[in-house]
C-alpha atoms as a PDB file:
ATOM      1  CA  MET A   1     143.510  95.425 -23.013  1.00  0.00           C
ATOM      2  CA  GLY A   2     142.471  94.997 -19.362  1.00  0.00           C
ATOM      3  CA  LYS A   3     139.226  94.289 -17.817  1.00  0.00           C
ATOM      4  CA  PRO A   4     136.410  95.786 -19.521  1.00  0.00           C
ATOM      5  CA  ALA A   5     134.091  98.188 -17.293  1.00  0.00           C
ATOM      6  CA  ASN A   6     130.284  97.568 -16.487  1.00  0.00           C
ATOM      7  CA  PRO A   7     127.856  97.849 -19.500  1.00  0.00           C
ATOM      8  CA  GLY A   8     125.941 100.755 -17.872  1.00  0.00           C
ATOM      9  CA  ALA A   9     129.525 103.075 -18.194  1.00  0.00           C
ATOM     10  CA  ARG A  10     129.911 105.592 -20.637  1.00  0.00           C
ATOM     11  CA  ALA A  11     132.145 104.700 -23.547  1.00  0.00           C
ATOM     12  CA  LEU A  12     133.759 106.206 -26.734  1.00  0.00           C
ATOM     13  CA  VAL A  13     132.265 105.522 -29.587  1.00  0.00           C
ATOM     14  CA  ALA A  14     133.456 106.575 -33.151  1.00  0.00           C
ATOM     15  CA  ASP A  15     132.746 106.590 -36.749  1.00  0.00           C
ATOM     16  CA  ILE A  16     136.073 107.239 -39.099  1.00  0.00           C
ATOM     17  CA  GLY A  17     135.286 107.445 -42.679  1.00  0.00           C
ATOM     18  CA  GLY A  18     137.259 108.838 -45.798  1.00  0.00           C
ATOM     19  CA  THR A  19     136.028 112.697 -45.205  1.00  0.00           C
ATOM     20  CA  HIS A  20     135.318 112.752 -41.714  1.00  0.00           C
ATOM     21  CA  ALA A  21     136.025 111.166 -38.392  1.00  0.00           C
ATOM     22  CA  ARG A  22     133.062 111.135 -35.777  1.00  0.00           C
ATOM     23  CA  PHE A  23     133.454 111.270 -31.746  1.00  0.00           C
ATOM     24  CA  ALA A  24     131.009 110.742 -29.202  1.00  0.00           C
ATOM     25  CA  LEU A  25     130.151 109.375 -25.709  1.00  0.00           C
ATOM     26  CA  VAL A  26     127.333 106.481 -25.120  1.00  0.00           C
ATOM     27  CA  ASP A  27     125.728 105.101 -22.541  1.00  0.00           C
ATOM     28  CA  LEU A  28     125.769 101.479 -23.171  1.00  0.00           C
ATOM     29  CA  GLU A  29     122.687 100.520 -20.856  1.00  0.00           C
ATOM     30  CA  THR A  30     120.478 103.060 -23.248  1.00  0.00           C
ATOM     31  CA  LEU A  31     122.293 103.965 -26.096  1.00  0.00           C
ATOM     32  CA  GLU A  32     121.735 107.436 -25.629  1.00  0.00           C
ATOM     33  CA  ILE A  33     124.620 109.303 -27.879  1.00  0.00           C
ATOM     34  CA  SER A  34     126.323 112.604 -26.263  1.00  0.00           C
ATOM     35  CA  GLU A  35     129.182 115.047 -26.692  1.00  0.00           C
ATOM     36  CA  ILE A  36     129.342 114.677 -30.492  1.00  0.00           C
ATOM     37  CA  ARG A  37     132.148 116.183 -32.111  1.00  0.00           C
ATOM     38  CA  GLN A  38     133.321 116.020 -36.047  1.00  0.00           C
ATOM     39  CA  PHE A  39     136.640 116.303 -37.248  1.00  0.00           C
ATOM     40  CA  PRO A  40     137.877 116.564 -40.938  1.00  0.00           C
ATOM     41  CA  CYS A  41     140.209 114.118 -41.498  1.00  0.00           C
ATOM     42  CA  ALA A  42     142.261 116.455 -44.163  1.00  0.00           C
ATOM     43  CA  GLU A  43     142.777 118.504 -40.899  1.00  0.00           C
ATOM     44  CA  HIS A  44     144.759 116.217 -39.200  1.00  0.00           C
ATOM     45  CA  ASN A  45     147.510 113.919 -38.931  1.00  0.00           C
ATOM     46  CA  GLY A  46     145.631 110.506 -38.130  1.00  0.00           C
ATOM     47  CA  ILE A  47     143.439 109.053 -35.850  1.00  0.00           C
ATOM     48  CA  GLU A  48     145.121 108.954 -33.019  1.00  0.00           C
ATOM     49  CA  ALA A  49     145.581 113.013 -33.147  1.00  0.00           C
ATOM     50  CA  ALA A  50     142.006 113.653 -33.433  1.00  0.00           C
ATOM     51  CA  ALA A  51     141.104 111.311 -30.839  1.00  0.00           C
ATOM     52  CA  GLU A  52     143.541 112.822 -28.550  1.00  0.00           C
ATOM     53  CA  ILE A  53     141.744 116.163 -29.417  1.00  0.00           C
ATOM     54  CA  TYR A  54     138.393 114.863 -28.473  1.00  0.00           C
ATOM     55  CA  LEU A  55     139.516 113.284 -25.503  1.00  0.00           C
ATOM     56  CA  ALA A  56     141.157 116.093 -24.043  1.00  0.00           C
ATOM     57  CA  GLY A  57     138.004 118.290 -24.171  1.00  0.00           C
ATOM     58  CA  LEU A  58     135.800 115.607 -22.121  1.00  0.00           C
ATOM     59  CA  LYS A  59     135.242 116.365 -18.405  1.00  0.00           C
ATOM     60  CA  GLU A  60     135.955 112.393 -17.616  1.00  0.00           C
ATOM     61  CA  ARG A  61     137.423 110.330 -19.838  1.00  0.00           C
ATOM     62  CA  PRO A  62     135.988 106.898 -20.821  1.00  0.00           C
ATOM     63  CA  ARG A  63     137.386 103.616 -20.019  1.00  0.00           C
ATOM     64  CA  GLN A  64     136.300 101.818 -23.288  1.00  0.00           C
ATOM     65  CA  GLY A  65     135.554 102.398 -26.453  1.00  0.00           C
ATOM     66  CA  ALA A  66     134.269 101.217 -30.188  1.00  0.00           C
ATOM     67  CA  VAL A  67     136.008 102.469 -33.339  1.00  0.00           C
ATOM     68  CA  ALA A  68     134.012 101.985 -36.430  1.00  0.00           C
ATOM     69  CA  VAL A  69     136.406 102.616 -39.528  1.00  0.00           C
ATOM     70  CA  ALA A  70     135.626 102.766 -43.421  1.00  0.00           C
ATOM     71  CA  ALA A  71     138.280  99.781 -44.106  1.00  0.00           C
ATOM     72  CA  PRO A  72     138.693  96.148 -43.975  1.00  0.00           C
ATOM     73  CA  LEU A  73     140.176  94.775 -40.621  1.00  0.00           C
ATOM     74  CA  GLY A  74     142.566  91.972 -40.730  1.00  0.00           C
ATOM     75  CA  GLY A  75     145.218  92.576 -37.892  1.00  0.00           C
ATOM     76  CA  GLY A  76     148.188  94.526 -38.203  1.00  0.00           C
ATOM     77  CA  LYS A  77     147.953  98.074 -39.895  1.00  0.00           C
ATOM     78  CA  ILE A  78     144.816  99.158 -40.973  1.00  0.00           C
ATOM     79  CA  LYS A  79     144.419 101.825 -43.971  1.00  0.00           C
ATOM     80  CA  LEU A  80     141.548 103.363 -44.692  1.00  0.00           C
ATOM     81  CA  THR A  81     140.249 102.644 -48.061  1.00  0.00           C
ATOM     82  CA  ASN A  82     139.366 106.285 -49.089  1.00  0.00           C
ATOM     83  CA  SER A  83     141.553 108.302 -46.888  1.00  0.00           C
ATOM     84  CA  THR A  84     145.456 108.504 -46.061  1.00  0.00           C
ATOM     85  CA  TRP A  85     144.847 107.270 -42.525  1.00  0.00           C
ATOM     86  CA  SER A  86     146.275 104.260 -41.194  1.00  0.00           C
ATOM     87  CA  PHE A  87     146.858 102.902 -37.568  1.00  0.00           C
ATOM     88  CA  THR A  88     147.675  99.958 -35.648  1.00  0.00           C
ATOM     89  CA  ALA A  89     145.407  98.926 -32.880  1.00  0.00           C
ATOM     90  CA  GLU A  90     148.563  99.295 -30.500  1.00  0.00           C
ATOM     91  CA  SER A  91     148.781 103.026 -31.564  1.00  0.00           C
ATOM     92  CA  LEU A  92     145.005 104.162 -30.712  1.00  0.00           C
ATOM     93  CA  ALA A  93     145.286 102.308 -27.811  1.00  0.00           C
ATOM     94  CA  SER A  94     148.500 104.488 -26.545  1.00  0.00           C
ATOM     95  CA  ALA A  95     147.153 107.675 -28.146  1.00  0.00           C
ATOM     96  CA  THR A  96     143.361 106.931 -26.516  1.00  0.00           C
ATOM     97  CA  SER A  97     144.765 105.466 -23.013  1.00  0.00           C
ATOM     98  CA  LEU A  98     141.682 103.083 -23.109  1.00  0.00           C
ATOM     99  CA  ASP A  99     141.270  99.912 -21.394  1.00  0.00           C
ATOM    100  CA  ASP A 100     139.366  97.981 -23.932  1.00  0.00           C
ATOM    101  CA  ILE A 101     138.966  99.063 -27.835  1.00  0.00           C
ATOM    102  CA  LEU A 102     136.782  97.109 -30.055  1.00  0.00           C
ATOM    103  CA  LEU A 103     137.302  97.742 -33.679  1.00  0.00           C
ATOM    104  CA  LEU A 104     134.413  97.381 -36.521  1.00  0.00           C
ATOM    105  CA  ASN A 105     134.277  97.963 -40.308  1.00  0.00           C
ATOM    106  CA  ASP A 106     132.039 100.944 -40.606  1.00  0.00           C
ATOM    107  CA  PHE A 107     129.334  99.165 -41.896  1.00  0.00           C
ATOM    108  CA  GLU A 108     129.218  96.183 -39.705  1.00  0.00           C
ATOM    109  CA  ALA A 109     128.856  98.470 -36.980  1.00  0.00           C
ATOM    110  CA  LEU A 110     125.617 100.302 -39.256  1.00  0.00           C
ATOM    111  CA  SER A 111     124.290  97.091 -39.507  1.00  0.00           C
ATOM    112  CA  LEU A 112     124.421  96.342 -35.799  1.00  0.00           C
ATOM    113  CA  SER A 113     122.010  99.457 -35.557  1.00  0.00           C
ATOM    114  CA  LEU A 114     119.344  98.215 -37.428  1.00  0.00           C
ATOM    115  CA  PRO A 115     117.360  96.546 -35.207  1.00  0.00           C
ATOM    116  CA  HIS A 116     117.440  99.741 -32.841  1.00  0.00           C
ATOM    117  CA  LEU A 117     116.109 102.314 -35.573  1.00  0.00           C
ATOM    118  CA  CYS A 118     112.910 104.011 -34.906  1.00  0.00           C
ATOM    119  CA  ALA A 119     110.101 104.285 -37.128  1.00  0.00           C
ATOM    120  CA  GLU A 120     110.974 108.281 -37.622  1.00  0.00           C
ATOM    121  CA  GLU A 121     114.221 107.520 -38.344  1.00  0.00           C
ATOM    122  CA  LEU A 122     113.604 105.592 -41.688  1.00  0.00           C
ATOM    123  CA  HIS A 123     112.220 106.383 -44.577  1.00  0.00           C
ATOM    124  CA  GLN A 124     110.542 103.336 -46.670  1.00  0.00           C
ATOM    125  CA  ILE A 125     110.632 103.089 -50.389  1.00  0.00           C
ATOM    126  CA  GLY A 126     108.327 100.070 -51.607  1.00  0.00           C
ATOM    127  CA  GLY A 127     107.739  96.622 -50.352  1.00  0.00           C
ATOM    128  CA  ASP A 128     105.879  95.325 -47.403  1.00  0.00           C
ATOM    129  CA  VAL A 129     107.048  94.844 -43.842  1.00  0.00           C
ATOM    130  CA  PRO A 130     110.249  93.257 -42.974  1.00  0.00           C
ATOM    131  CA  ALA A 131     109.880  89.358 -41.959  1.00  0.00           C
ATOM    132  CA  PRO A 132     110.846  89.050 -38.261  1.00  0.00           C
ATOM    133  CA  ARG A 133     114.287  88.172 -37.601  1.00  0.00           C
ATOM    134  CA  ALA A 134     114.857  87.829 -41.195  1.00  0.00           C
ATOM    135  CA  THR A 135     118.475  88.532 -42.799  1.00  0.00           C
ATOM    136  CA  LYS A 136     118.880  92.141 -43.415  1.00  0.00           C
ATOM    137  CA  VAL A 137     121.701  94.298 -45.650  1.00  0.00           C
ATOM    138  CA  VAL A 138     122.793  97.821 -45.366  1.00  0.00           C
ATOM    139  CA  LEU A 139     124.683  99.496 -48.258  1.00  0.00           C
ATOM    140  CA  GLY A 140     125.443 103.249 -48.659  1.00  0.00           C
ATOM    141  CA  PRO A 141     127.444 105.760 -50.770  1.00  0.00           C
ATOM    142  CA  GLY A 142     129.270 108.274 -49.260  1.00  0.00           C
ATOM    143  CA  THR A 143     133.357 108.985 -49.859  1.00  0.00           C
ATOM    144  CA  GLY A 144     133.082 105.009 -51.177  1.00  0.00           C
ATOM    145  CA  ILE A 145     130.014 102.527 -50.719  1.00  0.00           C
ATOM    146  CA  GLY A 146     129.756 100.196 -47.774  1.00  0.00           C
ATOM    147  CA  VAL A 147     127.800  96.977 -47.611  1.00  0.00           C
ATOM    148  CA  ALA A 148     127.240  94.548 -44.366  1.00  0.00           C
ATOM    149  CA  GLY A 149     124.768  92.052 -43.559  1.00  0.00           C
ATOM    150  CA  LEU A 150     122.787  91.071 -40.598  1.00  0.00           C
ATOM    151  CA  VAL A 151     121.537  87.635 -39.907  1.00  0.00           C
ATOM    152  CA  TRP A 152     119.800  86.331 -36.743  1.00  0.00           C
ATOM    153  CA  SER A 153     121.457  83.836 -34.450  1.00  0.00           C
ATOM    154  CA  ALA A 154     119.658  81.576 -32.020  1.00  0.00           C
ATOM    155  CA  ALA A 155     120.093  84.516 -29.492  1.00  0.00           C
ATOM    156  CA  ASP A 156     121.106  87.829 -31.035  1.00  0.00           C
ATOM    157  CA  TRP A 157     122.011  89.503 -34.594  1.00  0.00           C
ATOM    158  CA  ILE A 158     125.303  88.818 -35.798  1.00  0.00           C
ATOM    159  CA  ALA A 159     126.861  91.140 -38.379  1.00  0.00           C
ATOM    160  CA  VAL A 160     128.327  90.288 -41.621  1.00  0.00           C
ATOM    161  CA  PRO A 161     131.218  92.403 -43.009  1.00  0.00           C
ATOM    162  CA  SER A 162     131.516  92.675 -46.586  1.00  0.00           C
ATOM    163  CA  GLU A 163     133.734  94.665 -49.261  1.00  0.00           C
ATOM    164  CA  GLY A 164     130.715  94.250 -51.503  1.00  0.00           C
ATOM    165  CA  GLY A 165     131.103  98.009 -52.890  1.00  0.00           C
ATOM    166  CA  HIS A 166     134.014  96.680 -54.701  1.00  0.00           C
ATOM    167  CA  VAL A 167     131.907  94.013 -57.068  1.00  0.00           C
ATOM    168  CA  SER A 168     132.238  95.033 -60.561  1.00  0.00           C
ATOM    169  CA  LEU A 169     129.267  97.512 -61.799  1.00  0.00           C
ATOM    170  CA  ALA A 170     126.853  95.826 -64.113  1.00  0.00           C
ATOM    171  CA  ALA A 171     125.510  97.596 -67.236  1.00  0.00           C
ATOM    172  CA  HIS A 172     121.771  96.684 -68.423  1.00  0.00           C
ATOM    173  CA  SER A 173     121.469  99.105 -71.793  1.00  0.00           C
ATOM    174  CA  ARG A 174     123.588 100.204 -74.818  1.00  0.00           C
ATOM    175  CA  HIS A 175     123.870 103.433 -73.336  1.00  0.00           C
ATOM    176  CA  GLU A 176     124.976 102.322 -69.989  1.00  0.00           C
ATOM    177  CA  PHE A 177     127.218 100.072 -71.554  1.00  0.00           C
ATOM    178  CA  GLU A 178     128.959 102.888 -73.361  1.00  0.00           C
ATOM    179  CA  LEU A 179     129.143 104.809 -70.242  1.00  0.00           C
ATOM    180  CA  VAL A 180     130.719 101.818 -68.308  1.00  0.00           C
ATOM    181  CA  GLU A 181     133.585 102.313 -70.885  1.00  0.00           C
ATOM    182  CA  ARG A 182     134.155 105.971 -70.559  1.00  0.00           C
ATOM    183  CA  LEU A 183     134.243 105.161 -66.564  1.00  0.00           C
ATOM    184  CA  ARG A 184     136.459 102.513 -66.760  1.00  0.00           C
ATOM    185  CA  GLY A 185     138.768 104.243 -69.173  1.00  0.00           C
ATOM    186  CA  SER A 186     142.521 102.835 -68.134  1.00  0.00           C
ATOM    187  CA  HIS A 187     141.053 100.726 -65.020  1.00  0.00           C
ATOM    188  CA  ASP A 188     141.052  96.995 -65.730  1.00  0.00           C
ATOM    189  CA  HIS A 189     138.285  96.684 -63.140  1.00  0.00           C
ATOM    190  CA  LEU A 190     135.271  99.119 -62.829  1.00  0.00           C
ATOM    191  CA  SER A 191     133.947  98.498 -59.282  1.00  0.00           C
ATOM    192  CA  ALA A 192     130.366  99.650 -58.045  1.00  0.00           C
ATOM    193  CA  GLU A 193     132.435 102.168 -55.438  1.00  0.00           C
ATOM    194  CA  ARG A 194     133.811 104.338 -58.548  1.00  0.00           C
ATOM    195  CA  VAL A 195     130.162 105.198 -59.795  1.00  0.00           C
ATOM    196  CA  LEU A 196     127.932 104.577 -56.783  1.00  0.00           C
ATOM    197  CA  SER A 197     129.906 106.979 -54.428  1.00  0.00           C
ATOM    198  CA  GLY A 198     130.178 110.995 -54.011  1.00  0.00           C
ATOM    199  CA  PRO A 199     133.605 110.721 -56.178  1.00  0.00           C
ATOM    200  CA  GLY A 200     131.692 108.489 -58.561  1.00  0.00           C
ATOM    201  CA  LEU A 201     128.722 110.763 -59.195  1.00  0.00           C
ATOM    202  CA  ALA A 202     130.986 113.249 -59.967  1.00  0.00           C
ATOM    203  CA  ASN A 203     132.485 111.455 -62.446  1.00  0.00           C
ATOM    204  CA  LEU A 204     129.544 110.215 -63.937  1.00  0.00           C
ATOM    205  CA  TYR A 205     128.567 113.711 -64.601  1.00  0.00           C
ATOM    206  CA  ARG A 206     131.816 114.152 -66.669  1.00  0.00           C
ATOM    207  CA  VAL A 207     131.420 111.073 -68.522  1.00  0.00           C
ATOM    208  CA  ILE A 208     127.796 111.924 -69.369  1.00  0.00           C
ATOM    209  CA  ALA A 209     129.310 115.231 -70.729  1.00  0.00           C
ATOM    210  CA  ASP A 210     131.336 113.724 -72.776  1.00  0.00           C
ATOM    211  CA  SER A 211     128.857 111.236 -74.153  1.00  0.00           C
ATOM    212  CA  HIS A 212     126.973 114.322 -75.448  1.00  0.00           C
ATOM    213  CA  GLY A 213     130.111 115.860 -76.798  1.00  0.00           C
ATOM    214  CA  VAL A 214     129.883 118.962 -74.433  1.00  0.00           C
ATOM    215  CA  ALA A 215     132.869 119.926 -71.936  1.00  0.00           C
ATOM    216  CA  ALA A 216     132.017 119.161 -68.420  1.00  0.00           C
ATOM    217  CA  GLU A 217     132.143 121.999 -65.399  1.00  0.00           C
ATOM    218  CA  PRO A 218     134.231 121.002 -62.861  1.00  0.00           C
ATOM    219  CA  LEU A 219     131.579 120.369 -60.215  1.00  0.00           C
ATOM    220  CA  GLN A 220     131.851 118.636 -56.779  1.00  0.00           C
ATOM    221  CA  PRO A 221     129.884 116.068 -55.886  1.00  0.00           C
ATOM    222  CA  ASN A 222     127.135 117.890 -53.784  1.00  0.00           C
ATOM    223  CA  ASP A 223     127.074 120.561 -56.718  1.00  0.00           C
ATOM    224  CA  VAL A 224     125.978 117.642 -58.881  1.00  0.00           C
ATOM    225  CA  LEU A 225     123.104 116.624 -56.513  1.00  0.00           C
ATOM    226  CA  THR A 226     122.106 120.228 -55.876  1.00  0.00           C
ATOM    227  CA  LEU A 227     121.951 120.616 -59.721  1.00  0.00           C
ATOM    228  CA  GLY A 228     120.251 117.427 -60.071  1.00  0.00           C
ATOM    229  CA  LEU A 229     117.672 117.949 -57.738  1.00  0.00           C
ATOM    230  CA  ALA A 230     116.885 121.293 -58.549  1.00  0.00           C
ATOM    231  CA  GLY A 231     116.329 120.143 -62.443  1.00  0.00           C
ATOM    232  CA  SER A 232     118.566 123.413 -63.389  1.00  0.00           C
ATOM    233  CA  ASP A 233     121.538 121.385 -65.074  1.00  0.00           C
ATOM    234  CA  PRO A 234     120.105 118.908 -67.793  1.00  0.00           C
ATOM    235  CA  LEU A 235     123.749 117.064 -67.478  1.00  0.00           C
ATOM    236  CA  ALA A 236     123.095 116.666 -63.686  1.00  0.00           C
ATOM    237  CA  VAL A 237     119.586 115.546 -63.818  1.00  0.00           C
ATOM    238  CA  GLU A 238     120.721 112.738 -66.183  1.00  0.00           C
ATOM    239  CA  ALA A 239     123.585 111.797 -63.982  1.00  0.00           C
ATOM    240  CA  LEU A 240     121.626 111.742 -60.586  1.00  0.00           C
ATOM    241  CA  ALA A 241     118.603 109.766 -62.537  1.00  0.00           C
ATOM    242  CA  LEU A 242     121.318 107.089 -63.728  1.00  0.00           C
ATOM    243  CA  PHE A 243     123.150 106.984 -60.590  1.00  0.00           C
ATOM    244  CA  VAL A 244     119.424 106.335 -58.844  1.00  0.00           C
ATOM    245  CA  THR A 245     118.870 103.698 -61.280  1.00  0.00           C
ATOM    246  CA  TRP A 246     122.313 102.043 -60.945  1.00  0.00           C
ATOM    247  CA  LEU A 247     121.933 102.328 -56.914  1.00  0.00           C
ATOM    248  CA  GLY A 248     118.720 100.287 -57.165  1.00  0.00           C
ATOM    249  CA  ALA A 249     119.783  97.738 -59.433  1.00  0.00           C
ATOM    250  CA  PHE A 250     123.155  97.458 -56.796  1.00  0.00           C
ATOM    251  CA  ALA A 251     120.707  97.178 -54.026  1.00  0.00           C
ATOM    252  CA  GLY A 252     118.570  94.735 -55.517  1.00  0.00           C
ATOM    253  CA  ASP A 253     121.517  92.382 -56.444  1.00  0.00           C
ATOM    254  CA  LEU A 254     122.526  92.493 -52.600  1.00  0.00           C
ATOM    255  CA  ALA A 255     118.923  91.794 -51.554  1.00  0.00           C
ATOM    256  CA  LEU A 256     119.091  88.517 -53.943  1.00  0.00           C
ATOM    257  CA  ALA A 257     122.618  87.655 -52.350  1.00  0.00           C
ATOM    258  CA  PHE A 258     121.739  87.743 -48.912  1.00  0.00           C
ATOM    259  CA  CYS A 259     117.951  86.775 -49.280  1.00  0.00           C
ATOM    260  CA  ALA A 260     117.369  89.844 -47.116  1.00  0.00           C
ATOM    261  CA  ARG A 261     113.620  89.478 -46.524  1.00  0.00           C
ATOM    262  CA  GLY A 262     114.455  91.353 -43.328  1.00  0.00           C
ATOM    263  CA  GLY A 263     114.723  94.847 -45.539  1.00  0.00           C
ATOM    264  CA  VAL A 264     117.319  96.447 -47.580  1.00  0.00           C
ATOM    265  CA  TYR A 265     118.889  99.392 -45.554  1.00  0.00           C
ATOM    266  CA  LEU A 266     120.465 102.421 -47.291  1.00  0.00           C
ATOM    267  CA  GLY A 267     123.005 104.788 -45.272  1.00  0.00           C
ATOM    268  CA  GLY A 268     125.914 106.635 -45.728  1.00  0.00           C
ATOM    269  CA  GLY A 269     126.047 110.372 -46.462  1.00  0.00           C
ATOM    270  CA  ILE A 270     124.451 110.947 -49.985  1.00  0.00           C
ATOM    271  CA  VAL A 271     121.439 108.549 -49.528  1.00  0.00           C
ATOM    272  CA  PRO A 272     119.287 111.347 -46.931  1.00  0.00           C
ATOM    273  CA  LYS A 273     119.832 114.086 -49.275  1.00  0.00           C
ATOM    274  CA  ILE A 274     118.393 112.565 -52.102  1.00  0.00           C
ATOM    275  CA  VAL A 275     114.937 110.653 -50.713  1.00  0.00           C
ATOM    276  CA  SER A 276     112.772 112.724 -53.363  1.00  0.00           C
ATOM    277  CA  ALA A 277     114.502 111.159 -56.254  1.00  0.00           C
ATOM    278  CA  LEU A 278     114.892 107.651 -54.658  1.00  0.00           C
ATOM    279  CA  SER A 279     111.103 107.569 -54.278  1.00  0.00           C
ATOM    280  CA  ARG A 280     110.137 108.405 -57.782  1.00  0.00           C
ATOM    281  CA  GLY A 281     110.086 105.081 -58.991  1.00  0.00           C
ATOM    282  CA  ALA A 282     113.397 104.286 -60.941  1.00  0.00           C
ATOM    283  CA  PHE A 283     115.220 102.973 -57.366  1.00  0.00           C
ATOM    284  CA  ARG A 284     112.339 100.742 -57.023  1.00  0.00           C
ATOM    285  CA  GLU A 285     112.126  99.286 -60.722  1.00  0.00           C
ATOM    286  CA  ALA A 286     115.802  98.858 -61.170  1.00  0.00           C
ATOM    287  CA  PHE A 287     115.579  97.078 -57.407  1.00  0.00           C
ATOM    288  CA  GLU A 288     112.682  94.720 -58.518  1.00  0.00           C
ATOM    289  CA  ALA A 289     114.204  93.981 -62.084  1.00  0.00           C
ATOM    290  CA  LYS A 290     115.410  90.687 -61.598  1.00  0.00           C
ATOM    291  CA  GLY A 291     113.765  88.522 -64.233  1.00  0.00           C
ATOM    292  CA  ARG A 292     112.446  85.449 -62.305  1.00  0.00           C
ATOM    293  CA  MET A 293     113.279  86.882 -59.059  1.00  0.00           C
ATOM    294  CA  ARG A 294     111.121  89.869 -59.286  1.00  0.00           C
ATOM    295  CA  SER A 295     108.472  87.865 -57.003  1.00  0.00           C
ATOM    296  CA  LEU A 296     111.096  87.556 -54.597  1.00  0.00           C
ATOM    297  CA  LEU A 297     112.397  91.031 -54.504  1.00  0.00           C
ATOM    298  CA  ALA A 298     108.696  92.678 -54.821  1.00  0.00           C
ATOM    299  CA  PRO A 299     107.994  92.406 -50.930  1.00  0.00           C
ATOM    300  CA  ILE A 300     111.391  93.012 -49.563  1.00  0.00           C
ATOM    301  CA  PRO A 301     111.125  96.932 -48.325  1.00  0.00           C
ATOM    302  CA  ALA A 302     113.903  99.434 -48.745  1.00  0.00           C
ATOM    303  CA  PHE A 303     114.669 102.269 -46.208  1.00  0.00           C
ATOM    304  CA  VAL A 304     116.580 105.254 -46.298  1.00  0.00           C
ATOM    305  CA  ILE A 305     118.445 105.658 -42.644  1.00  0.00           C
ATOM    306  CA  LEU A 306     117.822 109.287 -41.903  1.00  0.00           C
ATOM    307  CA  THR A 307     119.480 109.649 -38.743  1.00  0.00           C
ATOM    308  CA  GLU A 308     123.516 110.619 -39.099  1.00  0.00           C
ATOM    309  CA  PHE A 309     124.211 108.985 -36.187  1.00  0.00           C
ATOM    310  CA  ALA A 310     123.270 105.675 -36.579  1.00  0.00           C
ATOM    311  CA  THR A 311     126.891 104.039 -37.030  1.00  0.00           C
ATOM    312  CA  LEU A 312     128.018 105.426 -33.385  1.00  0.00           C
ATOM    313  CA  ARG A 313     124.702 103.607 -32.417  1.00  0.00           C
ATOM    314  CA  GLY A 314     125.953 100.227 -33.997  1.00  0.00           C
ATOM    315  CA  ALA A 315     129.246 100.588 -32.413  1.00  0.00           C
ATOM    316  CA  ALA A 316     127.820 100.916 -28.969  1.00  0.00           C
ATOM    317  CA  VAL A 317     125.559  97.796 -29.575  1.00  0.00           C
ATOM    318  CA  GLY A 318     128.600  95.772 -30.756  1.00  0.00           C
ATOM    319  CA  LEU A 319     130.639  96.897 -27.596  1.00  0.00           C
ATOM    320  CA  ARG A 320     127.831  96.377 -25.288  1.00  0.00           C
ATOM    321  CA  ALA A 321     127.467  93.016 -26.432  1.00  0.00           C
ATOM    322  CA  ASN A 322     131.389  92.628 -26.079  1.00  0.00           C
ATOM    323  CA  VAL A 323     131.491  93.631 -22.674  1.00  0.00           C
ATOM    324  CA  LEU A 324     128.510  91.473 -21.471  1.00  0.00           C
ATOM    325  CA  ARG A 325     130.213  88.393 -23.365  1.00  0.00           C
ATOM    326  CA  SER A 326     133.766  89.315 -21.212  1.00  0.00           C
ATOM    327  CA  ARG A 327     131.766  89.508 -18.156  1.00  0.00           C
ATOM    328  CA  ASP A 328     130.199  85.880 -18.946  1.00  0.00           C
ATOM    329  CA  LEU A 329     133.252  84.301 -19.227  1.00  0.00           C
END
């Protein structure tokens, strides 16, 4: 869509999830992010409407942008996995009047941020130092759960988009099998996302209450987190503990699938709130409990991404690389 501006120019970056849409400006040379605004998706008709509001508030409109969306990208209409929003590249370009727009999956963008995160933006849980230029994997529970890989080529990092959050959830004990059956209900497939997400945590609280023969309070996901962390509700404590264990097992599966000696990174809206629970040992034990592969997983570090703007930074990294490639053609 037109000739892209130089890589030092300011650009639009956006992180469009199932609950919130974030917009910002970024300096593509320094990756410094500014003018951040967040919009609740439920209060706007679509990404085009939210983008128009954001851009109208700027003194100077950017010419290029990158938009990370919580959806698979395959051409044509893009439908967010956990939102009613849908759009096309053409409708977004018309609404924003940008000369050039790069669309990325949200965890594809998040993976591109990994080499650019500093130590203060990460909390390590076990393992050793990441192997240089080894494959990395990122996952994160929020409204859903995203997964992506990051591999080194001869010259740069390449993101590997994935819909790994929709693999089948695995149970590892009789009690977990019983809960899986309750969670599955009338569904023919129980994915990891149906448990390892905000709505999934609320569902887990409900089925644990059912398994104990008590009526579950109609709690929101953040209520379960708060009560579980405080230890003030035994059902919430059990739900959070199992959530942490299943998240560790799932993260270990992904570490095996990607042979992620460069580290496993946890992002999304939930994990920064439960760092204390993730650090107690159950997460790491489940992560490494892979039989003969324990010795392979033991040195692989796991990191919680503490900054909430990593996806925006990764979108900027992707856009900068795209601009430079275009200028070299």
